[in-house]
Amino acid sequence: MSASTFFRRRFLQGAAVAAATTAVRAQEEPLRFGMIGVGKRGNAHLTRLAARSDITVGAICDIDPSARDAAQSAARTDNPRSYADYRELLRQEEIDAVLIATPCYLHAEMSAAALEAGKHVFCEKPLAISADQVKLVLDAARESKAVFQIGQQLRSSPHMQGVVREIHETGLIGTPLVIKAQRHSTPSRPGTRREDGSGQQRRFPGWYNDVKLSGDLIVENAIHNLDVCNWLAGSRPVSAYGHGKRYLPEPMPAGTVMMDGFSVEYIYNNDMHLDYSQLYLHPRALKKLPNGQWYVIYGDKGTIELDNSSWTFYDIYGNSDPVEHKGIEGLDLTEEAHNDFVRAIRENRRPIADIEVAATAALTSIMGREAIYQRRMITWDEMGVTV
């Protein structure tokens, strides 16, 4: 080997090592996030992100000046820029990713614009409140190389992930056949604020009860639970039929203001059946039908009873005692979702709650809403969106 060849190879090897080292350092540099929407939910995301060493909050955006001021104060160590127009934020080349926590009707428009601008996107649920909006984001995501993640945080629960594995990988219950699920809560007393699905009273923003802005209760709220049902079923619905209305303080037909009660029947592509109900009518003392959120998955060998913190297996013929499993207590699912989003960006992969999860959950909820509104069976094909 000639000296010139030797030194040339040494030079190329050194250049390759330097390039690799530079790439690793670039991977380790903090991601610069832009926050679009810094109200109550957006602020919950902001405080977690601002505390991380692998993320810098580079920009915040909200139409409310007081919300912007509070967000800048919360992230003052990062000294983020402030914008009233999200499009101005998206024009900032140094921003790597955006987190969208605005009212539901804006999610699709903002997500599509962010993807088209080359930004990674974490969007709060729901992805959209109409089928056309779902298609808008799907098309943008399919054209983009950026990572998209939806805020369906239950997908980040090791507890839920374990149950799905038991059903679909170990075959604990045999062939899954039927799911029954509910999200029931005690109504507030007349003259007090209405409760959310956790049974806790809270003040709702003005857009929340406007079904044209929120998508109604089944899209804005029940989408978390319906997404879990899709996951448990390992499939997507092909049809839906349901009924609901605003029951209290006096009956109002569905489609006028946000419902406080509904039930929907879904048939899945794999022929499973889901019976889902959500009610703000549940007496706290009614013990035979427990309050709260739970799922029961029936198979030909047994049944799993599941809530957000534990699950129990029952043999179908009672040949063995029920076996209970507890989930991990105190786990911050929002933080777990952030972790997966950051890792997905670093590893150039899809996150657990990706665009297909987002679109399927949104369309499932929209199907159910339209079945209630139109008082007829609605099919997946009527949505006109391919996922």
Protein backbone atom coordinates (compact mmCIF):
# COMPACT_ATOMS: atom_id res chain seq x y z
CA MET A 1 0.00 0.00 0.00
CA SER A 2 1.39 3.37 -0.94
CA ALA A 3 1.75 6.12 1.63
CA SER A 4 -0.72 8.30 -0.25
CA THR A 5 -3.31 5.52 -0.22
CA PHE A 6 -2.71 4.86 3.48
CA PHE A 7 -3.14 8.51 4.47
CA ARG A 8 -6.14 8.91 2.18
CA ARG A 9 -7.88 5.98 3.91
CA ARG A 10 -6.95 7.39 7.32
CA PHE A 11 -8.43 10.73 6.25
CA LEU A 12 -11.68 9.15 5.03
CA GLN A 13 -11.98 7.05 8.18
CA GLY A 14 -11.42 10.14 10.30
CA ALA A 15 -14.02 12.07 8.31
CA ALA A 16 -16.52 9.25 8.75
CA VAL A 17 -15.92 9.15 12.52
CA ALA A 18 -16.27 12.94 12.71
CA ALA A 19 -19.51 12.83 10.73
CA ALA A 20 -20.89 10.09 12.96
CA THR A 21 -19.89 12.04 16.07
CA THR A 22 -21.57 15.16 14.70
CA ALA A 23 -24.75 13.16 13.99
CA VAL A 24 -24.78 11.77 17.53
CA ARG A 25 -24.29 15.25 18.97
CA ALA A 26 -27.13 16.54 16.78
CA GLN A 27 -29.31 13.73 18.10
CA GLU A 28 -28.46 14.76 21.64
CA GLU A 29 -29.26 18.44 21.15
CA PRO A 30 -32.55 19.50 22.74
CA LEU A 31 -35.56 19.51 20.43
CA ARG A 32 -37.10 22.97 20.07
CA PHE A 33 -40.85 22.85 20.66
CA GLY A 34 -43.55 25.32 19.74
CA MET A 35 -46.70 25.34 21.88
CA ILE A 36 -49.91 26.14 20.02
CA GLY A 37 -52.66 26.71 22.58
CA VAL A 38 -51.59 27.30 26.17
CA GLY A 39 -54.88 27.18 28.05
CA LYS A 40 -55.52 24.69 30.84
CA ARG A 41 -54.54 21.55 28.90
CA GLY A 42 -51.79 23.26 26.95
CA ASN A 43 -50.29 24.58 30.17
CA ALA A 44 -50.28 21.05 31.60
CA HIS A 45 -48.17 19.98 28.62
CA LEU A 46 -45.99 23.10 28.84
CA THR A 47 -44.98 22.65 32.47
CA ARG A 48 -43.88 19.07 31.79
CA LEU A 49 -41.94 19.97 28.64
CA ALA A 50 -40.26 23.01 30.19
CA ALA A 51 -38.90 20.79 32.98
CA ARG A 52 -37.11 18.46 30.53
CA SER A 53 -33.43 18.77 29.64
CA ASP A 54 -33.94 17.23 26.16
CA ILE A 55 -36.53 19.83 25.10
CA THR A 56 -36.45 23.61 24.76
CA VAL A 57 -39.72 25.52 24.55
CA GLY A 58 -38.79 27.88 21.73
CA ALA A 59 -42.16 29.47 21.00
CA ILE A 60 -45.68 29.76 22.35
CA CYS A 61 -48.88 30.78 20.59
CA ASP A 62 -52.35 31.68 21.83
CA ILE A 63 -54.98 34.25 20.90
CA ASP A 64 -55.32 35.14 24.59
CA PRO A 65 -52.58 37.62 25.66
CA SER A 66 -52.90 36.63 29.32
CA ALA A 67 -52.41 32.95 28.43
CA ARG A 68 -49.31 33.85 26.41
CA ASP A 69 -47.90 35.88 29.29
CA ALA A 70 -48.50 33.04 31.76
CA ALA A 71 -46.89 30.53 29.37
CA GLN A 72 -43.83 32.71 28.82
CA SER A 73 -43.47 33.00 32.57
CA ALA A 74 -43.78 29.23 33.04
CA ALA A 75 -41.07 28.63 30.40
CA ARG A 76 -38.97 31.69 31.22
CA THR A 77 -35.70 29.74 31.42
CA ASP A 78 -36.14 28.90 27.70
CA ASN A 79 -37.15 32.50 26.81
CA PRO A 80 -39.71 31.43 24.16
CA ARG A 81 -40.95 33.78 21.48
CA SER A 82 -44.64 34.71 21.65
CA TYR A 83 -47.17 34.68 18.80
CA ALA A 84 -50.89 35.31 18.42
CA ASP A 85 -51.06 33.61 14.99
CA TYR A 86 -49.99 29.95 14.76
CA ARG A 87 -48.92 30.42 11.14
CA GLU A 88 -46.22 32.85 12.29
CA LEU A 89 -44.92 30.21 14.69
CA LEU A 90 -44.83 27.58 11.93
CA ARG A 91 -42.64 29.88 9.82
CA GLN A 92 -39.87 29.71 12.43
CA GLU A 93 -37.26 27.35 10.95
CA GLU A 94 -35.60 26.60 14.28
CA ILE A 95 -38.79 24.98 15.65
CA ASP A 96 -38.54 21.18 15.31
CA ALA A 97 -41.91 20.12 16.72
CA VAL A 98 -45.23 21.60 17.79
CA LEU A 99 -47.69 20.56 20.45
CA ILE A 100 -51.28 21.52 19.61
CA ALA A 101 -53.74 21.94 22.50
CA THR A 102 -56.39 24.21 21.02
CA PRO A 103 -60.20 23.73 20.81
CA CYS A 104 -61.16 20.58 18.91
CA TYR A 105 -62.38 22.23 15.72
CA LEU A 106 -58.90 23.71 15.11
CA HIS A 107 -56.88 20.50 15.51
CA ALA A 108 -57.06 19.30 11.92
CA GLU A 109 -56.31 22.64 10.27
CA MET A 110 -53.32 23.28 12.53
CA SER A 111 -51.97 19.72 12.35
CA ALA A 112 -52.08 19.67 8.55
CA ALA A 113 -50.38 23.08 8.33
CA ALA A 114 -47.66 22.00 10.77
CA LEU A 115 -46.97 18.78 8.86
CA GLU A 116 -46.81 20.71 5.60
CA ALA A 117 -44.29 23.04 7.27
CA GLY A 118 -42.12 20.02 8.11
CA LYS A 119 -42.75 20.09 11.86
CA HIS A 120 -43.20 17.01 14.01
CA VAL A 121 -46.67 17.15 15.58
CA PHE A 122 -48.14 16.12 18.91
CA CYS A 123 -51.85 16.97 18.75
CA GLU A 124 -54.34 16.65 21.57
CA LYS A 125 -57.32 14.42 20.88
CA PRO A 126 -59.52 14.37 18.88
CA LEU A 127 -57.66 14.50 15.59
CA ALA A 128 -60.74 16.09 14.01
CA ILE A 129 -64.49 16.57 14.43
CA SER A 130 -65.54 15.65 10.89
CA ALA A 131 -64.57 13.03 8.34
CA ASP A 132 -63.36 15.72 5.92
CA GLN A 133 -61.02 17.05 8.59
CA VAL A 134 -59.68 13.56 9.27
CA LYS A 135 -58.86 13.17 5.58
CA LEU A 136 -57.11 16.55 5.55
CA VAL A 137 -54.62 15.47 8.22
CA LEU A 138 -54.22 11.94 6.86
CA ASP A 139 -53.28 13.31 3.45
CA ALA A 140 -50.79 15.75 5.01
CA ALA A 141 -49.24 13.02 7.19
CA ARG A 142 -48.83 10.68 4.23
CA GLU A 143 -46.97 13.38 2.31
CA SER A 144 -44.76 14.31 5.25
CA LYS A 145 -41.67 12.65 6.72
CA ALA A 146 -42.43 14.22 10.11
CA VAL A 147 -43.63 12.26 13.15
CA PHE A 148 -47.29 12.64 14.10
CA GLN A 149 -48.65 11.62 17.50
CA ILE A 150 -52.16 11.98 18.89
CA GLY A 151 -52.87 12.64 22.56
CA GLN A 152 -54.62 9.32 23.18
CA GLN A 153 -52.61 8.92 26.38
CA LEU A 154 -54.11 5.58 27.40
CA ARG A 155 -52.02 4.06 24.59
CA SER A 156 -48.98 4.94 26.71
CA SER A 157 -50.21 2.95 29.71
CA PRO A 158 -48.13 -0.21 30.38
CA HIS A 159 -51.23 -1.52 32.17
CA MET A 160 -53.38 -1.22 29.04
CA GLN A 161 -50.57 -2.48 26.81
CA GLY A 162 -50.28 -5.59 28.97
CA VAL A 163 -53.99 -6.38 28.70
CA VAL A 164 -53.88 -6.02 24.91
CA ARG A 165 -50.98 -8.47 24.80
CA GLU A 166 -52.89 -10.95 26.97
CA ILE A 167 -55.85 -10.80 24.59
CA HIS A 168 -54.10 -10.81 21.22
CA GLU A 169 -50.74 -12.52 21.83
CA THR A 170 -51.16 -15.01 24.68
CA GLY A 171 -54.83 -15.77 23.92
CA LEU A 172 -55.86 -15.62 27.59
CA ILE A 173 -59.59 -15.28 26.84
CA GLY A 174 -59.53 -17.33 23.65
CA THR A 175 -61.22 -15.73 20.67
CA PRO A 176 -62.45 -12.21 21.63
CA LEU A 177 -66.17 -11.88 20.91
CA VAL A 178 -67.88 -8.96 22.67
CA ILE A 179 -66.88 -5.78 24.55
CA LYS A 180 -69.06 -3.89 27.00
CA ALA A 181 -67.71 -0.53 28.15
CA GLN A 182 -68.92 2.51 29.99
CA ARG A 183 -67.92 5.94 31.24
CA HIS A 184 -70.49 6.86 33.86
CA SER A 185 -70.47 9.78 36.25
CA THR A 186 -72.70 11.30 38.91
CA PRO A 187 -74.59 14.43 37.77
CA SER A 188 -74.02 17.72 39.53
CA ARG A 189 -76.76 19.22 41.61
CA PRO A 190 -78.95 21.85 39.92
CA GLY A 191 -77.22 25.21 39.83
CA THR A 192 -73.67 23.81 40.03
CA ARG A 193 -71.12 23.21 37.30
CA ARG A 194 -71.49 20.03 35.27
CA GLU A 195 -69.05 17.21 35.93
CA ASP A 196 -66.67 15.57 33.53
CA GLY A 197 -66.22 11.83 33.08
CA SER A 198 -64.00 11.48 36.15
CA GLY A 199 -66.75 12.67 38.49
CA GLN A 200 -64.88 15.89 39.29
CA GLN A 201 -66.53 19.25 38.83
CA ARG A 202 -64.69 21.66 36.56
CA ARG A 203 -65.36 24.81 34.59
CA PHE A 204 -65.73 24.23 30.85
CA PRO A 205 -64.62 26.75 28.17
CA GLY A 206 -67.26 28.41 26.01
CA TRP A 207 -66.61 26.26 22.93
CA TYR A 208 -67.05 23.00 24.87
CA ASN A 209 -70.86 22.90 24.84
CA ASP A 210 -71.04 24.13 21.22
CA VAL A 211 -71.28 20.83 19.36
CA LYS A 212 -70.13 22.45 16.11
CA LEU A 213 -66.83 23.36 17.80
CA SER A 214 -66.28 20.42 20.17
CA GLY A 215 -67.74 17.59 18.08
CA ASP A 216 -70.07 16.73 21.01
CA LEU A 217 -69.34 14.54 24.03
CA ILE A 218 -68.65 11.37 22.05
CA VAL A 219 -65.91 13.04 19.99
CA GLU A 220 -64.41 15.44 22.55
CA ASN A 221 -64.49 13.09 25.54
CA ALA A 222 -65.47 9.48 24.81
CA ILE A 223 -62.82 9.19 22.11
CA HIS A 224 -60.31 8.09 24.80
CA ASN A 225 -62.50 5.12 25.73
CA LEU A 226 -63.57 4.25 22.20
CA ASP A 227 -59.91 4.21 21.16
CA VAL A 228 -59.21 1.69 23.94
CA CYS A 229 -62.13 -0.41 22.66
CA ASN A 230 -60.68 -0.37 19.13
CA TRP A 231 -57.34 -1.44 20.60
CA LEU A 232 -58.91 -4.24 22.64
CA ALA A 233 -60.87 -5.41 19.60
CA GLY A 234 -57.78 -5.30 17.39
CA SER A 235 -60.00 -3.97 14.64
CA ARG A 236 -62.09 -1.01 13.50
CA PRO A 237 -65.87 -0.61 13.32
CA VAL A 238 -67.82 -1.14 10.12
CA SER A 239 -71.15 0.17 11.45
CA ALA A 240 -72.69 2.05 14.37
CA TYR A 241 -76.16 2.66 15.76
CA GLY A 242 -77.03 4.71 18.83
CA HIS A 243 -79.21 7.08 20.80
CA GLY A 244 -78.49 10.03 23.06
CA LYS A 245 -79.54 13.51 24.13
CA ARG A 246 -79.09 16.19 26.76
CA TYR A 247 -81.17 14.77 29.62
CA LEU A 248 -80.65 17.29 32.44
CA PRO A 249 -81.91 19.71 33.57
CA GLU A 250 -84.52 19.14 30.86
CA PRO A 251 -84.45 16.96 27.72
CA MET A 252 -82.91 18.51 24.62
CA PRO A 253 -82.42 16.58 21.35
CA ALA A 254 -78.95 15.48 20.27
CA GLY A 255 -77.16 17.99 18.11
CA THR A 256 -78.35 21.09 19.98
CA VAL A 257 -75.98 21.24 22.96
CA MET A 258 -73.50 18.71 24.28
CA MET A 259 -75.14 15.43 25.27
CA ASP A 260 -74.96 14.20 28.85
CA GLY A 261 -75.92 10.65 27.95
CA PHE A 262 -75.70 8.27 25.01
CA SER A 263 -75.29 4.62 24.06
CA VAL A 264 -73.78 3.27 20.83
CA GLU A 265 -73.58 -0.24 19.36
CA TYR A 266 -70.62 -0.93 17.06
CA ILE A 267 -69.95 -3.93 14.83
CA TYR A 268 -66.27 -4.44 13.98
CA ASN A 269 -64.51 -5.54 10.85
CA ASN A 270 -63.55 -8.80 12.62
CA ASP A 271 -67.24 -9.30 13.60
CA MET A 272 -66.74 -8.30 17.23
CA HIS A 273 -69.50 -6.31 18.90
CA LEU A 274 -69.10 -3.29 21.23
CA ASP A 275 -71.80 -1.94 23.54
CA TYR A 276 -70.65 1.48 24.83
CA SER A 277 -72.50 3.93 27.08
CA GLN A 278 -71.59 7.28 28.62
CA LEU A 279 -73.90 8.89 31.17
CA TYR A 280 -73.82 11.81 33.59
CA LEU A 281 -76.87 10.26 35.30
CA HIS A 282 -75.28 7.64 37.53
CA PRO A 283 -76.23 7.66 41.25
CA ARG A 284 -73.07 7.37 43.33
CA ALA A 285 -74.75 4.81 45.61
CA LEU A 286 -75.67 2.39 42.81
CA LYS A 287 -73.33 -0.49 43.65
CA LYS A 288 -74.58 -3.25 41.35
CA LEU A 289 -73.50 -1.24 38.31
CA PRO A 290 -70.32 0.56 39.42
CA ASN A 291 -69.72 4.18 38.55
CA GLY A 292 -66.64 5.20 36.56
CA GLN A 293 -64.80 3.89 33.51
CA TRP A 294 -64.45 0.19 32.79
CA TYR A 295 -64.37 -2.40 30.02
CA VAL A 296 -65.40 -6.06 29.94
CA ILE A 297 -63.93 -8.18 27.13
CA TYR A 298 -65.66 -11.54 26.59
CA GLY A 299 -63.98 -14.43 24.82
CA ASP A 300 -64.80 -18.12 24.26
CA LYS A 301 -62.43 -19.16 27.09
CA GLY A 302 -62.89 -16.38 29.60
CA THR A 303 -63.47 -12.71 30.34
CA ILE A 304 -61.30 -9.76 31.36
CA GLU A 305 -62.77 -6.98 33.49
CA LEU A 306 -60.62 -3.87 33.05
CA ASP A 307 -60.38 -0.36 34.40
CA ASN A 308 -57.61 2.23 34.29
CA SER A 309 -55.75 0.75 37.26
CA SER A 310 -56.37 -3.02 37.36
CA TRP A 311 -57.77 -6.00 35.49
CA THR A 312 -59.20 -9.37 36.46
CA PHE A 313 -59.45 -12.60 34.46
CA TYR A 314 -62.46 -14.91 34.92
CA ASP A 315 -62.52 -18.42 33.47
CA ILE A 316 -65.73 -18.79 31.46
CA TYR A 317 -66.82 -21.98 33.27
CA GLY A 318 -65.41 -21.11 36.69
CA ASN A 319 -62.77 -23.86 36.56
CA SER A 320 -60.29 -21.53 38.29
CA ASP A 321 -60.49 -18.63 40.71
CA PRO A 322 -60.48 -15.07 39.30
CA VAL A 323 -56.96 -13.64 38.97
CA GLU A 324 -56.45 -9.90 39.57
CA HIS A 325 -53.56 -7.81 38.25
CA LYS A 326 -52.74 -4.29 39.45
CA GLY A 327 -51.31 -1.60 37.21
CA ILE A 328 -48.46 0.76 38.06
CA GLU A 329 -49.66 3.43 40.47
CA GLY A 330 -48.83 7.10 40.02
CA LEU A 331 -47.68 6.85 36.42
CA ASP A 332 -47.96 10.16 34.54
CA LEU A 333 -49.41 9.11 31.18
CA THR A 334 -48.95 12.58 29.67
CA GLU A 335 -45.25 12.37 30.47
CA GLU A 336 -45.11 8.81 29.09
CA ALA A 337 -46.71 10.06 25.87
CA HIS A 338 -44.13 12.86 25.66
CA ASN A 339 -41.36 10.28 26.13
CA ASP A 340 -42.63 8.17 23.23
CA PHE A 341 -42.97 11.24 20.99
CA VAL A 342 -39.40 12.34 21.63
CA ARG A 343 -38.06 8.82 21.12
CA ALA A 344 -40.03 8.46 17.89
CA ILE A 345 -38.45 11.67 16.56
CA ARG A 346 -34.95 10.57 17.61
CA GLU A 347 -35.40 7.08 16.19
CA ASN A 348 -37.29 8.18 13.06
CA ARG A 349 -40.19 5.81 13.71
CA ARG A 350 -43.92 5.94 14.28
CA PRO A 351 -45.07 6.55 17.85
CA ILE A 352 -47.46 4.22 19.68
CA ALA A 353 -50.40 6.58 19.07
CA ASP A 354 -49.70 7.35 15.43
CA ILE A 355 -51.75 8.93 12.65
CA GLU A 356 -53.69 5.72 11.96
CA VAL A 357 -54.66 5.39 15.62
CA ALA A 358 -55.69 9.06 15.55
CA ALA A 359 -57.77 8.78 12.40
CA THR A 360 -59.46 5.50 13.38
CA ALA A 361 -60.41 6.82 16.83
CA ALA A 362 -61.79 10.04 15.38
CA LEU A 363 -63.81 8.27 12.69
CA THR A 364 -65.16 5.78 15.25
CA SER A 365 -66.41 8.67 17.38
CA ILE A 366 -67.79 10.61 14.41
CA MET A 367 -69.65 7.49 13.19
CA GLY A 368 -71.27 7.09 16.58
CA ARG A 369 -72.25 10.75 16.75
CA GLU A 370 -73.82 10.69 13.30
CA ALA A 371 -75.70 7.48 14.14
CA ILE A 372 -77.17 9.27 17.17
CA TYR A 373 -77.94 12.48 15.30
CA GLN A 374 -79.44 10.80 12.25
CA ARG A 375 -81.22 8.03 14.20
CA ARG A 376 -80.02 5.33 11.82
CA MET A 377 -77.15 2.95 11.24
CA ILE A 378 -74.03 4.67 9.91
CA THR A 379 -71.33 2.67 8.13
CA TRP A 380 -67.59 3.19 7.99
CA ASP A 381 -67.76 3.43 4.20
CA GLU A 382 -70.05 6.46 4.52
CA MET A 383 -67.19 8.33 6.17
CA GLY A 384 -65.38 8.28 2.81
CA VAL A 385 -61.90 8.03 4.38
CA THR A 386 -59.38 5.25 3.86
CA VAL A 387 -57.17 4.57 6.90
